[in-house]
N, C-alpha and C. Protein backbone atom coordinates (compact mmCIF):
# COMPACT_ATOMS: atom_id res chain seq x y z
N MET A 1 20.59 25.41 6.13
CA MET A 1 20.18 25.37 7.52
C MET A 1 18.66 25.23 7.58
N ASN A 2 18.20 24.34 8.44
CA ASN A 2 16.76 24.17 8.53
C ASN A 2 16.18 25.01 9.67
N VAL A 3 14.89 24.97 9.78
CA VAL A 3 14.19 25.81 10.74
C VAL A 3 14.59 25.48 12.18
N LYS A 4 14.75 24.21 12.48
CA LYS A 4 15.10 23.83 13.85
C LYS A 4 16.48 24.35 14.23
N THR A 5 17.42 24.29 13.30
CA THR A 5 18.76 24.79 13.59
C THR A 5 18.73 26.29 13.83
N VAL A 6 17.98 27.00 12.98
CA VAL A 6 17.86 28.45 13.15
C VAL A 6 17.20 28.78 14.48
N ALA A 7 16.14 28.06 14.81
CA ALA A 7 15.44 28.31 16.07
C ALA A 7 16.36 28.04 17.26
N ALA A 8 17.13 26.98 17.18
CA ALA A 8 18.05 26.66 18.27
C ALA A 8 19.12 27.74 18.39
N SER A 9 19.61 28.22 17.26
CA SER A 9 20.61 29.29 17.29
C SER A 9 20.04 30.56 17.90
N VAL A 10 18.83 30.92 17.51
CA VAL A 10 18.18 32.11 18.06
C VAL A 10 17.97 31.94 19.56
N ALA A 11 17.58 30.75 19.98
CA ALA A 11 17.38 30.50 21.41
C ALA A 11 18.69 30.66 22.17
N LEU A 12 19.77 30.14 21.60
CA LEU A 12 21.07 30.29 22.25
C LEU A 12 21.47 31.76 22.38
N ILE A 13 21.28 32.51 21.32
CA ILE A 13 21.62 33.93 21.34
C ILE A 13 20.77 34.66 22.38
N ALA A 14 19.49 34.33 22.43
CA ALA A 14 18.60 34.98 23.40
C ALA A 14 19.02 34.65 24.83
N ILE A 15 19.38 33.41 25.06
CA ILE A 15 19.81 33.01 26.41
C ILE A 15 21.07 33.75 26.80
N PHE A 16 22.02 33.81 25.88
CA PHE A 16 23.26 34.54 26.16
C PHE A 16 22.99 36.02 26.41
N GLY A 17 22.09 36.59 25.65
CA GLY A 17 21.76 38.01 25.82
C GLY A 17 21.09 38.28 27.15
N LEU A 18 20.25 37.37 27.60
CA LEU A 18 19.51 37.57 28.84
C LEU A 18 20.34 37.25 30.08
N THR A 19 21.24 36.30 29.96
CA THR A 19 22.00 35.89 31.15
C THR A 19 23.34 36.60 31.28
N GLY A 20 23.74 37.30 30.28
CA GLY A 20 25.03 37.99 30.35
C GLY A 20 26.15 37.00 30.15
N CYS A 21 27.10 37.01 31.01
CA CYS A 21 28.25 36.11 30.89
C CYS A 21 27.85 34.72 31.35
N ALA A 22 28.15 33.75 30.53
CA ALA A 22 27.88 32.36 30.89
C ALA A 22 29.20 31.63 30.95
N SER A 23 29.25 30.64 31.80
CA SER A 23 30.49 29.88 31.93
C SER A 23 30.66 28.96 30.73
N THR A 24 31.86 28.47 30.55
CA THR A 24 32.15 27.57 29.44
C THR A 24 31.34 26.29 29.56
N SER A 25 31.15 25.82 30.76
CA SER A 25 30.37 24.59 30.95
C SER A 25 28.90 24.82 30.59
N ASP A 26 28.38 26.01 30.88
CA ASP A 26 27.00 26.34 30.50
C ASP A 26 26.86 26.35 28.98
N ILE A 27 27.83 26.95 28.33
CA ILE A 27 27.79 27.02 26.87
C ILE A 27 27.89 25.62 26.28
N GLN A 28 28.78 24.81 26.82
CA GLN A 28 28.93 23.44 26.32
C GLN A 28 27.66 22.64 26.55
N SER A 29 27.03 22.84 27.69
CA SER A 29 25.77 22.15 27.99
C SER A 29 24.70 22.53 26.97
N LEU A 30 24.61 23.80 26.66
CA LEU A 30 23.63 24.24 25.66
C LEU A 30 23.95 23.68 24.28
N LYS A 31 25.22 23.66 23.93
CA LYS A 31 25.61 23.09 22.64
C LYS A 31 25.24 21.62 22.58
N ASP A 32 25.45 20.91 23.68
CA ASP A 32 25.09 19.49 23.72
C ASP A 32 23.59 19.30 23.56
N GLN A 33 22.81 20.17 24.19
CA GLN A 33 21.36 20.10 24.07
C GLN A 33 20.91 20.38 22.64
N VAL A 34 21.54 21.35 22.01
CA VAL A 34 21.21 21.68 20.62
C VAL A 34 21.57 20.50 19.71
N ALA A 35 22.73 19.90 19.96
CA ALA A 35 23.14 18.74 19.16
C ALA A 35 22.16 17.58 19.34
N GLN A 36 21.71 17.36 20.56
CA GLN A 36 20.73 16.30 20.82
C GLN A 36 19.41 16.60 20.12
N ALA A 37 18.98 17.85 20.17
CA ALA A 37 17.74 18.23 19.48
C ALA A 37 17.87 18.03 17.98
N GLN A 38 19.02 18.38 17.43
CA GLN A 38 19.24 18.19 15.99
C GLN A 38 19.24 16.72 15.64
N SER A 39 19.84 15.90 16.48
CA SER A 39 19.86 14.46 16.26
C SER A 39 18.44 13.89 16.27
N THR A 40 17.65 14.35 17.21
CA THR A 40 16.25 13.90 17.29
C THR A 40 15.48 14.33 16.05
N ALA A 41 15.70 15.55 15.60
CA ALA A 41 15.02 16.04 14.40
C ALA A 41 15.44 15.25 13.17
N ASP A 42 16.72 14.93 13.06
CA ASP A 42 17.21 14.14 11.93
C ASP A 42 16.60 12.75 11.94
N SER A 43 16.49 12.16 13.13
CA SER A 43 15.89 10.84 13.26
C SER A 43 14.41 10.87 12.86
N ALA A 44 13.71 11.91 13.28
CA ALA A 44 12.30 12.05 12.92
C ALA A 44 12.14 12.23 11.41
N ALA A 45 13.03 12.98 10.80
CA ALA A 45 12.97 13.18 9.35
C ALA A 45 13.20 11.86 8.61
N LYS A 46 14.13 11.05 9.11
CA LYS A 46 14.38 9.75 8.49
C LYS A 46 13.16 8.84 8.64
N ASP A 47 12.57 8.83 9.83
CA ASP A 47 11.36 8.03 10.04
C ASP A 47 10.24 8.47 9.11
N ALA A 48 10.09 9.77 8.92
CA ALA A 48 9.06 10.29 8.02
C ALA A 48 9.33 9.87 6.58
N ALA A 49 10.58 9.91 6.18
CA ALA A 49 10.93 9.49 4.82
C ALA A 49 10.66 8.00 4.62
N ASP A 50 10.97 7.19 5.64
CA ASP A 50 10.69 5.76 5.57
C ASP A 50 9.18 5.50 5.48
N ALA A 51 8.41 6.24 6.25
CA ALA A 51 6.95 6.09 6.21
C ALA A 51 6.39 6.49 4.85
N LYS A 52 6.95 7.54 4.28
CA LYS A 52 6.50 7.99 2.96
C LYS A 52 6.80 6.93 1.91
N ALA A 53 7.97 6.31 1.99
CA ALA A 53 8.33 5.26 1.04
C ALA A 53 7.41 4.05 1.20
N ALA A 54 7.09 3.70 2.43
CA ALA A 54 6.18 2.57 2.68
C ALA A 54 4.79 2.88 2.15
N ALA A 55 4.34 4.10 2.32
CA ALA A 55 3.03 4.50 1.81
C ALA A 55 3.00 4.45 0.29
N ALA A 56 4.08 4.87 -0.34
CA ALA A 56 4.15 4.82 -1.81
C ALA A 56 4.10 3.37 -2.30
N ALA A 57 4.79 2.48 -1.60
CA ALA A 57 4.77 1.06 -1.97
C ALA A 57 3.37 0.48 -1.79
N ALA A 58 2.71 0.85 -0.71
CA ALA A 58 1.34 0.37 -0.47
C ALA A 58 0.39 0.89 -1.54
N GLN A 59 0.57 2.15 -1.95
CA GLN A 59 -0.28 2.72 -2.99
C GLN A 59 -0.07 1.99 -4.32
N ALA A 60 1.18 1.66 -4.63
CA ALA A 60 1.47 0.93 -5.86
C ALA A 60 0.81 -0.45 -5.84
N THR A 61 0.86 -1.12 -4.70
CA THR A 61 0.22 -2.43 -4.56
C THR A 61 -1.29 -2.31 -4.71
N ALA A 62 -1.87 -1.28 -4.11
CA ALA A 62 -3.32 -1.07 -4.21
C ALA A 62 -3.72 -0.76 -5.65
N ASP A 63 -2.92 0.04 -6.34
CA ASP A 63 -3.22 0.35 -7.74
C ASP A 63 -3.17 -0.90 -8.61
N GLU A 64 -2.19 -1.76 -8.34
CA GLU A 64 -2.06 -3.01 -9.08
C GLU A 64 -3.26 -3.92 -8.81
N ALA A 65 -3.68 -4.00 -7.56
CA ALA A 65 -4.84 -4.83 -7.21
C ALA A 65 -6.11 -4.29 -7.88
N LYS A 66 -6.24 -2.98 -7.92
CA LYS A 66 -7.41 -2.38 -8.57
C LYS A 66 -7.42 -2.71 -10.06
N ALA A 67 -6.27 -2.63 -10.70
CA ALA A 67 -6.19 -2.94 -12.13
C ALA A 67 -6.57 -4.40 -12.38
N LYS A 68 -6.08 -5.30 -11.52
CA LYS A 68 -6.42 -6.73 -11.67
C LYS A 68 -7.92 -6.96 -11.47
N ALA A 69 -8.50 -6.27 -10.50
CA ALA A 69 -9.93 -6.41 -10.24
C ALA A 69 -10.75 -5.92 -11.44
N MET A 70 -10.32 -4.82 -12.02
CA MET A 70 -11.03 -4.30 -13.20
C MET A 70 -10.90 -5.25 -14.38
N GLU A 71 -9.73 -5.86 -14.54
CA GLU A 71 -9.52 -6.86 -15.59
C GLU A 71 -10.47 -8.04 -15.40
N THR A 72 -10.54 -8.52 -14.17
CA THR A 72 -11.41 -9.65 -13.85
C THR A 72 -12.87 -9.29 -14.09
N ASP A 73 -13.27 -8.09 -13.71
CA ASP A 73 -14.64 -7.65 -13.93
C ASP A 73 -14.97 -7.61 -15.41
N ASP A 74 -14.06 -7.07 -16.21
CA ASP A 74 -14.28 -7.03 -17.66
C ASP A 74 -14.40 -8.44 -18.23
N LYS A 75 -13.53 -9.33 -17.75
CA LYS A 75 -13.55 -10.70 -18.24
C LYS A 75 -14.88 -11.38 -17.89
N LEU A 76 -15.36 -11.17 -16.67
CA LEU A 76 -16.64 -11.75 -16.25
C LEU A 76 -17.80 -11.18 -17.05
N ASN A 77 -17.76 -9.89 -17.32
CA ASN A 77 -18.82 -9.27 -18.13
C ASN A 77 -18.84 -9.86 -19.54
N ARG A 78 -17.67 -10.06 -20.13
CA ARG A 78 -17.62 -10.67 -21.47
C ARG A 78 -18.16 -12.09 -21.44
N MET A 79 -17.80 -12.85 -20.39
CA MET A 79 -18.29 -14.22 -20.28
C MET A 79 -19.81 -14.24 -20.11
N PHE A 80 -20.34 -13.31 -19.32
CA PHE A 80 -21.79 -13.25 -19.10
C PHE A 80 -22.50 -12.91 -20.40
N LYS A 81 -21.99 -11.91 -21.11
CA LYS A 81 -22.62 -11.53 -22.38
C LYS A 81 -22.57 -12.67 -23.37
N LYS A 82 -21.45 -13.38 -23.40
CA LYS A 82 -21.30 -14.51 -24.32
C LYS A 82 -22.31 -15.60 -23.98
N SER A 83 -22.53 -15.85 -22.68
CA SER A 83 -23.48 -16.89 -22.29
C SER A 83 -24.92 -16.46 -22.60
N MET A 84 -25.19 -15.17 -22.62
CA MET A 84 -26.54 -14.69 -22.91
C MET A 84 -26.88 -14.88 -24.39
N TYR A 85 -25.88 -14.87 -25.26
CA TYR A 85 -26.12 -15.02 -26.69
C TYR A 85 -26.33 -16.47 -27.08
N LYS A 86 -26.01 -17.39 -26.21
CA LYS A 86 -26.16 -18.82 -26.55
C LYS A 86 -27.55 -19.30 -26.33
């Protein structure tokens, strides 16, 4: 169980404790709201996971570009040194 589910459960218990007897429709309405909140939280978690994966892919691309740039820099330095000896 995650924090949001626990918080929603505690909220439901508190509401029931404060209001006394609630009708079945009130309880169903609250359950529907909790289900909607859980659905929203699940969707947000999926979006966050997708963003994390995209960031990891971008980091990998940046690391590859950096390695290529360093290779090119080394190659240019060798060419420059070679031309200086001629």
